[in-house]
Amino acid sequence: MSKVVQYLQTPTFRKNLIAAFIAIVCLFLFVYVGLKIYTKHDESIAVPKVKGLHISAAIQALDQDDQAYQIDSVYQMDAKPGMVIEQDPEQGFHVKSGRTIYLTIITQVAPEVAFPNIKDKTLIEATAILKNHNLRIGDTSYVADIARDIVLDAQFAGQSIRNGR
């Protein structure tokens, strides 16, 4: 045990201890300053309000601040196409430059939907099936038939619609 205590009191040990301490402090400072520079600490920009704008105006506002954006689209039957209905992060949040702003817009074109089988169903049942598929019922015409309020045919632009089309 006395040899250990004697070694701890030598100038060589003290020099090594001081050098190790200085190396640890320098490493800590290097990592601390490097992370501040790399993560752009205290550098942020406010997200502009683009919700409710047309997509072209929203893109222009985001391009002014050099913010990246990604667009997703959804279809809503009664909404104006091209409008931004959702943004993430919300207006006023502070983000770093280069952060992607996610936008959800109303699509310009309705998606294609497989036409459900409504032939030989009652009018009430056919109406419910079409509403579940987000389809509207246009003009209804009645034909003399033994079956009352039964769908005999579905047409679009004068052409019969087959299931799945």
N, C-alpha and C. Protein backbone atom coordinates (compact mmCIF):
# COMPACT_ATOMS: atom_id res chain seq x y z
N MET A 1 0.82 -1.19 0.00
CA MET A 1 0.00 0.00 0.00
C MET A 1 0.87 1.26 0.00
N SER A 2 1.98 1.19 0.63
CA SER A 2 2.84 2.37 0.72
C SER A 2 3.44 2.73 -0.63
N LYS A 3 3.67 1.73 -1.51
CA LYS A 3 4.19 2.02 -2.83
C LYS A 3 3.17 2.83 -3.66
N VAL A 4 1.90 2.52 -3.49
CA VAL A 4 0.85 3.25 -4.20
C VAL A 4 0.82 4.69 -3.73
N VAL A 5 0.89 4.89 -2.43
CA VAL A 5 0.86 6.25 -1.87
C VAL A 5 2.10 7.01 -2.33
N GLN A 6 3.25 6.35 -2.36
CA GLN A 6 4.48 7.02 -2.82
C GLN A 6 4.35 7.42 -4.29
N TYR A 7 3.76 6.54 -5.12
CA TYR A 7 3.59 6.86 -6.55
C TYR A 7 2.64 8.04 -6.74
N LEU A 8 1.59 8.11 -5.93
CA LEU A 8 0.64 9.21 -6.04
C LEU A 8 1.28 10.56 -5.70
N GLN A 9 2.37 10.54 -4.98
CA GLN A 9 3.03 11.78 -4.58
C GLN A 9 4.16 12.18 -5.53
N THR A 10 4.42 11.40 -6.56
CA THR A 10 5.51 11.72 -7.48
C THR A 10 5.09 12.80 -8.47
N PRO A 11 6.06 13.57 -8.99
CA PRO A 11 5.76 14.61 -9.98
C PRO A 11 5.21 14.03 -11.30
N THR A 12 5.63 12.84 -11.65
CA THR A 12 5.13 12.21 -12.88
C THR A 12 3.63 11.97 -12.79
N PHE A 13 3.17 11.47 -11.67
CA PHE A 13 1.73 11.23 -11.50
C PHE A 13 0.96 12.55 -11.55
N ARG A 14 1.50 13.58 -10.87
CA ARG A 14 0.81 14.87 -10.88
C ARG A 14 0.72 15.45 -12.29
N LYS A 15 1.81 15.34 -13.07
CA LYS A 15 1.79 15.83 -14.45
C LYS A 15 0.75 15.08 -15.28
N ASN A 16 0.71 13.76 -15.13
CA ASN A 16 -0.27 12.95 -15.87
C ASN A 16 -1.70 13.29 -15.45
N LEU A 17 -1.90 13.51 -14.15
CA LEU A 17 -3.23 13.86 -13.65
C LEU A 17 -3.69 15.21 -14.21
N ILE A 18 -2.79 16.18 -14.20
CA ILE A 18 -3.11 17.50 -14.73
C ILE A 18 -3.37 17.42 -16.24
N ALA A 19 -2.55 16.66 -16.97
CA ALA A 19 -2.74 16.50 -18.42
C ALA A 19 -4.08 15.83 -18.72
N ALA A 20 -4.45 14.82 -17.94
CA ALA A 20 -5.73 14.14 -18.15
C ALA A 20 -6.89 15.09 -17.87
N PHE A 21 -6.78 15.88 -16.82
CA PHE A 21 -7.83 16.84 -16.49
C PHE A 21 -7.98 17.87 -17.61
N ILE A 22 -6.86 18.40 -18.10
CA ILE A 22 -6.90 19.38 -19.19
C ILE A 22 -7.50 18.75 -20.45
N ALA A 23 -7.14 17.50 -20.74
CA ALA A 23 -7.68 16.81 -21.93
C ALA A 23 -9.19 16.63 -21.81
N ILE A 24 -9.66 16.27 -20.63
CA ILE A 24 -11.11 16.08 -20.42
C ILE A 24 -11.84 17.41 -20.56
N VAL A 25 -11.31 18.48 -20.00
CA VAL A 25 -11.94 19.80 -20.12
C VAL A 25 -11.96 20.25 -21.58
N CYS A 26 -10.85 20.06 -22.30
CA CYS A 26 -10.80 20.44 -23.72
C CYS A 26 -11.80 19.62 -24.54
N LEU A 27 -11.89 18.32 -24.27
CA LEU A 27 -12.84 17.47 -24.98
C LEU A 27 -14.28 17.93 -24.71
N PHE A 28 -14.58 18.23 -23.45
CA PHE A 28 -15.92 18.71 -23.10
C PHE A 28 -16.24 20.01 -23.83
N LEU A 29 -15.31 20.97 -23.83
CA LEU A 29 -15.53 22.25 -24.51
C LEU A 29 -15.69 22.05 -26.02
N PHE A 30 -14.88 21.17 -26.60
CA PHE A 30 -14.98 20.89 -28.03
C PHE A 30 -16.35 20.32 -28.38
N VAL A 31 -16.82 19.36 -27.61
CA VAL A 31 -18.14 18.76 -27.86
C VAL A 31 -19.24 19.79 -27.63
N TYR A 32 -19.15 20.57 -26.57
CA TYR A 32 -20.17 21.57 -26.25
C TYR A 32 -20.29 22.61 -27.36
N VAL A 33 -19.19 23.18 -27.78
CA VAL A 33 -19.20 24.20 -28.83
C VAL A 33 -19.59 23.58 -30.17
N GLY A 34 -19.08 22.39 -30.45
CA GLY A 34 -19.41 21.71 -31.71
C GLY A 34 -20.90 21.42 -31.82
N LEU A 35 -21.52 20.97 -30.74
CA LEU A 35 -22.95 20.69 -30.76
C LEU A 35 -23.77 21.97 -30.94
N LYS A 36 -23.34 23.06 -30.32
CA LYS A 36 -24.06 24.33 -30.49
C LYS A 36 -24.03 24.77 -31.95
N ILE A 37 -22.88 24.60 -32.58
CA ILE A 37 -22.77 24.98 -33.99
C ILE A 37 -23.57 24.02 -34.87
N TYR A 38 -23.43 22.73 -34.63
CA TYR A 38 -24.09 21.72 -35.48
C TYR A 38 -25.61 21.78 -35.37
N THR A 39 -26.13 21.98 -34.16
CA THR A 39 -27.59 21.98 -33.97
C THR A 39 -28.20 23.37 -34.16
N LYS A 40 -27.38 24.36 -34.51
CA LYS A 40 -27.86 25.73 -34.73
C LYS A 40 -28.65 26.23 -33.52
N HIS A 41 -28.06 26.10 -32.37
CA HIS A 41 -28.70 26.49 -31.12
C HIS A 41 -29.06 27.97 -31.14
N ASP A 42 -30.26 28.29 -30.68
CA ASP A 42 -30.78 29.66 -30.61
C ASP A 42 -31.03 30.28 -31.99
N GLU A 43 -31.04 29.49 -33.05
CA GLU A 43 -31.38 30.00 -34.38
C GLU A 43 -32.69 29.35 -34.80
N SER A 44 -33.76 30.12 -34.83
CA SER A 44 -35.05 29.56 -35.25
C SER A 44 -35.85 30.61 -35.99
N ILE A 45 -36.82 30.12 -36.77
CA ILE A 45 -37.72 31.01 -37.48
C ILE A 45 -39.15 30.59 -37.18
N ALA A 46 -40.04 31.56 -37.17
CA ALA A 46 -41.45 31.28 -36.87
C ALA A 46 -42.12 30.69 -38.11
N VAL A 47 -42.98 29.71 -37.89
CA VAL A 47 -43.74 29.10 -38.98
C VAL A 47 -44.87 30.05 -39.36
N PRO A 48 -44.97 30.41 -40.65
CA PRO A 48 -46.05 31.32 -41.06
C PRO A 48 -47.40 30.59 -41.10
N LYS A 49 -48.47 31.37 -41.09
CA LYS A 49 -49.81 30.78 -41.19
C LYS A 49 -50.10 30.52 -42.66
N VAL A 50 -50.23 29.24 -43.00
CA VAL A 50 -50.58 28.87 -44.37
C VAL A 50 -51.90 28.11 -44.40
N LYS A 51 -52.41 27.75 -43.24
CA LYS A 51 -53.70 27.07 -43.17
C LYS A 51 -54.79 28.02 -43.65
N GLY A 52 -55.60 27.58 -44.59
CA GLY A 52 -56.66 28.42 -45.14
C GLY A 52 -56.25 29.13 -46.43
N LEU A 53 -54.96 29.07 -46.78
CA LEU A 53 -54.50 29.69 -48.02
C LEU A 53 -54.56 28.69 -49.16
N HIS A 54 -54.55 29.20 -50.39
CA HIS A 54 -54.43 28.31 -51.56
C HIS A 54 -52.99 27.79 -51.58
N ILE A 55 -52.78 26.62 -52.14
CA ILE A 55 -51.46 25.98 -52.10
C ILE A 55 -50.37 26.84 -52.74
N SER A 56 -50.69 27.57 -53.80
CA SER A 56 -49.67 28.41 -54.44
C SER A 56 -49.22 29.54 -53.51
N ALA A 57 -50.15 30.15 -52.79
CA ALA A 57 -49.80 31.20 -51.83
C ALA A 57 -49.03 30.61 -50.65
N ALA A 58 -49.40 29.42 -50.22
CA ALA A 58 -48.72 28.77 -49.10
C ALA A 58 -47.28 28.45 -49.47
N ILE A 59 -47.07 27.93 -50.68
CA ILE A 59 -45.71 27.60 -51.13
C ILE A 59 -44.87 28.87 -51.22
N GLN A 60 -45.46 29.94 -51.71
CA GLN A 60 -44.74 31.21 -51.81
C GLN A 60 -44.32 31.71 -50.42
N ALA A 61 -45.22 31.60 -49.44
CA ALA A 61 -44.90 32.05 -48.08
C ALA A 61 -43.79 31.20 -47.47
N LEU A 62 -43.81 29.90 -47.72
CA LEU A 62 -42.78 29.02 -47.16
C LEU A 62 -41.44 29.21 -47.89
N ASP A 63 -41.48 29.46 -49.19
CA ASP A 63 -40.24 29.69 -49.94
C ASP A 63 -39.57 30.99 -49.52
N GLN A 64 -40.34 31.98 -49.10
CA GLN A 64 -39.77 33.25 -48.63
C GLN A 64 -38.85 33.02 -47.43
N ASP A 65 -39.24 32.10 -46.55
CA ASP A 65 -38.45 31.82 -45.35
C ASP A 65 -37.49 30.65 -45.53
N ASP A 66 -37.35 30.15 -46.76
CA ASP A 66 -36.49 28.99 -47.06
C ASP A 66 -36.86 27.78 -46.20
N GLN A 67 -38.14 27.54 -46.06
CA GLN A 67 -38.59 26.37 -45.30
C GLN A 67 -38.99 25.27 -46.27
N ALA A 68 -38.58 24.06 -45.94
CA ALA A 68 -38.95 22.90 -46.76
C ALA A 68 -40.38 22.52 -46.43
N TYR A 69 -41.07 21.92 -47.39
CA TYR A 69 -42.45 21.52 -47.16
C TYR A 69 -42.72 20.20 -47.87
N GLN A 70 -43.71 19.49 -47.36
CA GLN A 70 -44.16 18.25 -47.97
C GLN A 70 -45.68 18.30 -48.01
N ILE A 71 -46.24 17.94 -49.17
CA ILE A 71 -47.68 18.09 -49.38
C ILE A 71 -48.35 16.73 -49.43
N ASP A 72 -49.44 16.60 -48.69
CA ASP A 72 -50.31 15.43 -48.75
C ASP A 72 -51.68 15.96 -49.16
N SER A 73 -52.48 15.11 -49.79
CA SER A 73 -53.78 15.59 -50.23
C SER A 73 -54.88 14.63 -49.80
N VAL A 74 -56.03 15.21 -49.54
CA VAL A 74 -57.23 14.44 -49.21
C VAL A 74 -58.35 14.98 -50.08
N TYR A 75 -59.39 14.18 -50.21
CA TYR A 75 -60.54 14.62 -51.01
C TYR A 75 -61.71 14.89 -50.09
N GLN A 76 -62.29 16.07 -50.23
CA GLN A 76 -63.53 16.41 -49.54
C GLN A 76 -64.48 16.94 -50.60
N MET A 77 -65.64 16.34 -50.66
CA MET A 77 -66.58 16.62 -51.74
C MET A 77 -66.99 18.09 -51.81
N ASP A 78 -67.25 18.71 -50.69
CA ASP A 78 -67.80 20.07 -50.69
C ASP A 78 -66.77 21.15 -50.39
N ALA A 79 -65.48 20.82 -50.43
CA ALA A 79 -64.45 21.79 -50.11
C ALA A 79 -63.81 22.33 -51.39
N LYS A 80 -63.22 23.51 -51.27
CA LYS A 80 -62.59 24.16 -52.42
C LYS A 80 -61.24 23.49 -52.69
N PRO A 81 -61.01 23.00 -53.91
CA PRO A 81 -59.75 22.32 -54.23
C PRO A 81 -58.55 23.25 -54.11
N GLY A 82 -57.43 22.70 -53.66
CA GLY A 82 -56.19 23.46 -53.58
C GLY A 82 -55.99 24.22 -52.29
N MET A 83 -56.93 24.14 -51.36
CA MET A 83 -56.82 24.88 -50.10
C MET A 83 -56.04 24.05 -49.08
N VAL A 84 -55.20 24.72 -48.30
CA VAL A 84 -54.47 24.06 -47.22
C VAL A 84 -55.43 23.94 -46.03
N ILE A 85 -55.68 22.71 -45.59
CA ILE A 85 -56.61 22.52 -44.48
C ILE A 85 -55.90 22.15 -43.18
N GLU A 86 -54.61 21.81 -43.28
CA GLU A 86 -53.87 21.45 -42.07
C GLU A 86 -52.39 21.71 -42.30
N GLN A 87 -51.70 22.14 -41.26
CA GLN A 87 -50.26 22.32 -41.33
C GLN A 87 -49.64 21.83 -40.03
N ASP A 88 -48.45 21.24 -40.14
CA ASP A 88 -47.74 20.75 -38.97
C ASP A 88 -46.26 21.05 -39.15
N PRO A 89 -45.64 21.81 -38.27
CA PRO A 89 -46.13 22.43 -37.06
C PRO A 89 -47.06 23.61 -37.35
N GLU A 90 -47.82 23.96 -36.33
CA GLU A 90 -48.82 25.02 -36.46
C GLU A 90 -48.15 26.39 -36.59
N GLN A 91 -48.96 27.37 -36.94
CA GLN A 91 -48.50 28.75 -37.08
C GLN A 91 -47.91 29.24 -35.76
N GLY A 92 -46.81 29.98 -35.84
CA GLY A 92 -46.21 30.58 -34.66
C GLY A 92 -45.15 29.72 -33.99
N PHE A 93 -45.11 28.42 -34.25
CA PHE A 93 -44.07 27.58 -33.68
C PHE A 93 -42.72 28.01 -34.24
N HIS A 94 -41.69 27.94 -33.43
CA HIS A 94 -40.35 28.28 -33.88
C HIS A 94 -39.62 27.00 -34.23
N VAL A 95 -39.11 26.95 -35.47
CA VAL A 95 -38.40 25.77 -35.96
C VAL A 95 -37.06 26.21 -36.53
N LYS A 96 -36.16 25.27 -36.66
CA LYS A 96 -34.86 25.56 -37.25
C LYS A 96 -34.98 25.56 -38.76
N SER A 97 -34.09 26.30 -39.42
CA SER A 97 -34.14 26.34 -40.88
C SER A 97 -33.89 24.94 -41.42
N GLY A 98 -34.59 24.61 -42.49
CA GLY A 98 -34.46 23.28 -43.06
C GLY A 98 -35.48 22.29 -42.54
N ARG A 99 -36.24 22.67 -41.52
CA ARG A 99 -37.27 21.78 -40.98
C ARG A 99 -38.41 21.65 -41.98
N THR A 100 -38.92 20.46 -42.17
CA THR A 100 -40.00 20.23 -43.12
C THR A 100 -41.34 20.60 -42.50
N ILE A 101 -42.11 21.40 -43.21
CA ILE A 101 -43.47 21.76 -42.81
C ILE A 101 -44.41 20.86 -43.61
N TYR A 102 -45.27 20.13 -42.92
CA TYR A 102 -46.18 19.19 -43.57
C TYR A 102 -47.52 19.88 -43.81
N LEU A 103 -47.97 19.87 -45.06
CA LEU A 103 -49.22 20.51 -45.45
C LEU A 103 -50.20 19.45 -45.96
N THR A 104 -51.47 19.61 -45.60
CA THR A 104 -52.53 18.76 -46.15
C THR A 104 -53.46 19.67 -46.93
N ILE A 105 -53.66 19.32 -48.20
CA ILE A 105 -54.50 20.15 -49.07
C ILE A 105 -55.68 19.34 -49.58
N ILE A 106 -56.67 20.07 -50.08
CA ILE A 106 -57.81 19.43 -50.75
C ILE A 106 -57.38 19.13 -52.18
N THR A 107 -57.48 17.89 -52.59
CA THR A 107 -57.03 17.48 -53.91
C THR A 107 -57.89 18.08 -55.02
N GLN A 108 -57.28 18.27 -56.17
CA GLN A 108 -57.97 18.86 -57.32
C GLN A 108 -58.91 17.85 -57.97
N VAL A 109 -58.53 16.57 -57.94
CA VAL A 109 -59.26 15.53 -58.66
C VAL A 109 -59.81 14.51 -57.66
N ALA A 110 -61.06 14.14 -57.85
CA ALA A 110 -61.67 13.13 -56.98
C ALA A 110 -61.03 11.77 -57.25
N PRO A 111 -60.81 10.98 -56.21
CA PRO A 111 -60.22 9.66 -56.42
C PRO A 111 -61.23 8.72 -57.08
N GLU A 112 -60.70 7.74 -57.79
CA GLU A 112 -61.58 6.75 -58.40
C GLU A 112 -62.08 5.80 -57.31
N VAL A 113 -63.36 5.48 -57.40
CA VAL A 113 -63.99 4.61 -56.41
C VAL A 113 -64.66 3.46 -57.16
N ALA A 114 -64.50 2.26 -56.64
CA ALA A 114 -65.19 1.12 -57.24
C ALA A 114 -66.68 1.26 -56.97
N PHE A 115 -67.48 1.11 -58.01
CA PHE A 115 -68.92 1.28 -57.85
C PHE A 115 -69.50 0.05 -57.17
N PRO A 116 -70.24 0.24 -56.08
CA PRO A 116 -70.79 -0.90 -55.33
C PRO A 116 -71.97 -1.54 -56.06
N ASN A 117 -72.27 -2.75 -55.68
CA ASN A 117 -73.40 -3.47 -56.25
C ASN A 117 -74.69 -2.99 -55.59
N ILE A 118 -75.49 -2.23 -56.34
CA ILE A 118 -76.77 -1.75 -55.79
C ILE A 118 -77.96 -2.30 -56.57
N LYS A 119 -77.68 -3.09 -57.58
CA LYS A 119 -78.77 -3.66 -58.39
C LYS A 119 -79.57 -4.64 -57.54
N ASP A 120 -80.88 -4.57 -57.66
CA ASP A 120 -81.83 -5.41 -56.93
C ASP A 120 -81.84 -5.12 -55.42
N LYS A 121 -81.40 -3.95 -55.03
CA LYS A 121 -81.49 -3.51 -53.63
C LYS A 121 -82.63 -2.49 -53.56
N THR A 122 -83.16 -2.29 -52.36
CA THR A 122 -84.20 -1.28 -52.20
C THR A 122 -83.56 0.10 -52.35
N LEU A 123 -84.37 1.11 -52.63
CA LEU A 123 -83.86 2.46 -52.82
C LEU A 123 -83.19 2.96 -51.54
N ILE A 124 -83.76 2.66 -50.40
CA ILE A 124 -83.19 3.09 -49.11
C ILE A 124 -81.84 2.42 -48.89
N GLU A 125 -81.77 1.12 -49.16
CA GLU A 125 -80.52 0.38 -48.99
C GLU A 125 -79.46 0.87 -49.97
N ALA A 126 -79.85 1.10 -51.22
CA ALA A 126 -78.90 1.60 -52.23
C ALA A 126 -78.38 2.99 -51.87
N THR A 127 -79.26 3.83 -51.34
CA THR A 127 -78.85 5.17 -50.92
C THR A 127 -77.80 5.09 -49.81
N ALA A 128 -78.02 4.21 -48.84
CA ALA A 128 -77.06 4.05 -47.74
C ALA A 128 -75.72 3.52 -48.26
N ILE A 129 -75.75 2.56 -49.16
CA ILE A 129 -74.52 2.01 -49.72
C ILE A 129 -73.74 3.09 -50.47
N LEU A 130 -74.42 3.89 -51.27
CA LEU A 130 -73.75 4.94 -52.03
C LEU A 130 -73.18 6.02 -51.11
N LYS A 131 -73.89 6.36 -50.05
CA LYS A 131 -73.38 7.36 -49.09
C LYS A 131 -72.13 6.83 -48.39
N ASN A 132 -72.11 5.53 -48.08
CA ASN A 132 -70.93 4.93 -47.43
C ASN A 132 -69.71 4.96 -48.34
N HIS A 133 -69.94 4.98 -49.64
CA HIS A 133 -68.84 5.06 -50.61
C HIS A 133 -68.59 6.51 -51.07
N ASN A 134 -69.19 7.46 -50.38
CA ASN A 134 -69.05 8.90 -50.70
C ASN A 134 -69.46 9.21 -52.13
N LEU A 135 -70.53 8.59 -52.57
CA LEU A 135 -71.10 8.85 -53.89
C LEU A 135 -72.45 9.53 -53.73
N ARG A 136 -72.76 10.41 -54.66
CA ARG A 136 -74.04 11.12 -54.62
C ARG A 136 -75.03 10.45 -55.57
N ILE A 137 -76.30 10.56 -55.22
CA ILE A 137 -77.35 10.07 -56.09
C ILE A 137 -77.82 11.23 -56.94
N GLY A 138 -77.85 11.01 -58.23
CA GLY A 138 -78.31 12.05 -59.15
C GLY A 138 -79.81 11.94 -59.36
N ASP A 139 -80.23 12.08 -60.58
CA ASP A 139 -81.65 11.99 -60.91
C ASP A 139 -82.13 10.55 -60.74
N THR A 140 -83.31 10.42 -60.19
CA THR A 140 -83.93 9.11 -60.01
C THR A 140 -85.14 9.03 -60.92
N SER A 141 -85.22 7.95 -61.67
CA SER A 141 -86.39 7.76 -62.52
C SER A 141 -87.06 6.44 -62.16
N TYR A 142 -88.37 6.46 -62.22
CA TYR A 142 -89.14 5.27 -61.86
C TYR A 142 -89.65 4.59 -63.12
N VAL A 143 -89.56 3.26 -63.12
CA VAL A 143 -90.01 2.44 -64.24
C VAL A 143 -91.06 1.48 -63.70
N ALA A 144 -92.11 1.27 -64.48
CA ALA A 144 -93.15 0.33 -64.05
C ALA A 144 -92.55 -1.07 -63.95
N ASP A 145 -92.62 -1.64 -62.75
CA ASP A 145 -92.07 -2.98 -62.52
C ASP A 145 -92.84 -3.62 -61.39
N ILE A 146 -92.76 -4.91 -61.31
CA ILE A 146 -93.45 -5.65 -60.26
C ILE A 146 -92.85 -5.35 -58.88
N ALA A 147 -91.52 -5.12 -58.88
CA ALA A 147 -90.83 -4.81 -57.62
C ALA A 147 -90.94 -3.31 -57.37
N ARG A 148 -91.37 -2.95 -56.18
CA ARG A 148 -91.57 -1.55 -55.84
C ARG A 148 -90.32 -1.01 -55.12
N ASP A 149 -89.83 0.17 -55.54
CA ASP A 149 -88.66 0.84 -54.96
C ASP A 149 -87.41 -0.05 -54.96
N ILE A 150 -87.21 -0.81 -56.01
CA ILE A 150 -86.02 -1.63 -56.18
C ILE A 150 -85.18 -1.00 -57.29
N VAL A 151 -83.86 -0.97 -57.09
CA VAL A 151 -82.95 -0.41 -58.09
C VAL A 151 -82.79 -1.43 -59.21
N LEU A 152 -83.17 -1.03 -60.41
CA LEU A 152 -83.06 -1.91 -61.57
C LEU A 152 -81.79 -1.64 -62.37
N ASP A 153 -81.31 -0.39 -62.34
CA ASP A 153 -80.13 -0.02 -63.11
C ASP A 153 -79.53 1.25 -62.53
N ALA A 154 -78.22 1.42 -62.69
CA ALA A 154 -77.53 2.66 -62.30
C ALA A 154 -76.84 3.18 -63.54
N GLN A 155 -76.99 4.48 -63.80
CA GLN A 155 -76.41 5.06 -65.01
C GLN A 155 -75.63 6.33 -64.68
N PHE A 156 -74.62 6.57 -65.50
CA PHE A 156 -73.86 7.81 -65.43
C PHE A 156 -73.67 8.29 -66.86
N ALA A 157 -74.09 9.50 -67.14
CA ALA A 157 -74.01 10.10 -68.48
C ALA A 157 -74.69 9.22 -69.52
N GLY A 158 -75.81 8.63 -69.15
CA GLY A 158 -76.59 7.82 -70.08
C GLY A 158 -76.09 6.40 -70.28
N GLN A 159 -75.00 6.03 -69.63
CA GLN A 159 -74.42 4.69 -69.76
C GLN A 159 -74.63 3.91 -68.47
N SER A 160 -74.98 2.64 -68.60
CA SER A 160 -75.13 1.79 -67.41
C SER A 160 -73.78 1.58 -66.75
N ILE A 161 -73.79 1.60 -65.42
CA ILE A 161 -72.56 1.40 -64.66
C ILE A 161 -72.54 -0.04 -64.16
N ARG A 162 -71.42 -0.71 -64.41
CA ARG A 162 -71.26 -2.07 -63.89
C ARG A 162 -70.57 -2.00 -62.54
N ASN A 163 -70.73 -3.04 -61.76
CA ASN A 163 -70.08 -3.08 -60.44
C ASN A 163 -68.56 -2.98 -60.61
N GLY A 164 -67.94 -2.25 -59.71
CA GLY A 164 -66.49 -2.14 -59.72
C GLY A 164 -65.94 -1.10 -60.67
N ARG A 165 -66.78 -0.42 -61.44
CA ARG A 165 -66.30 0.57 -62.41
C ARG A 165 -66.65 1.95 -61.97
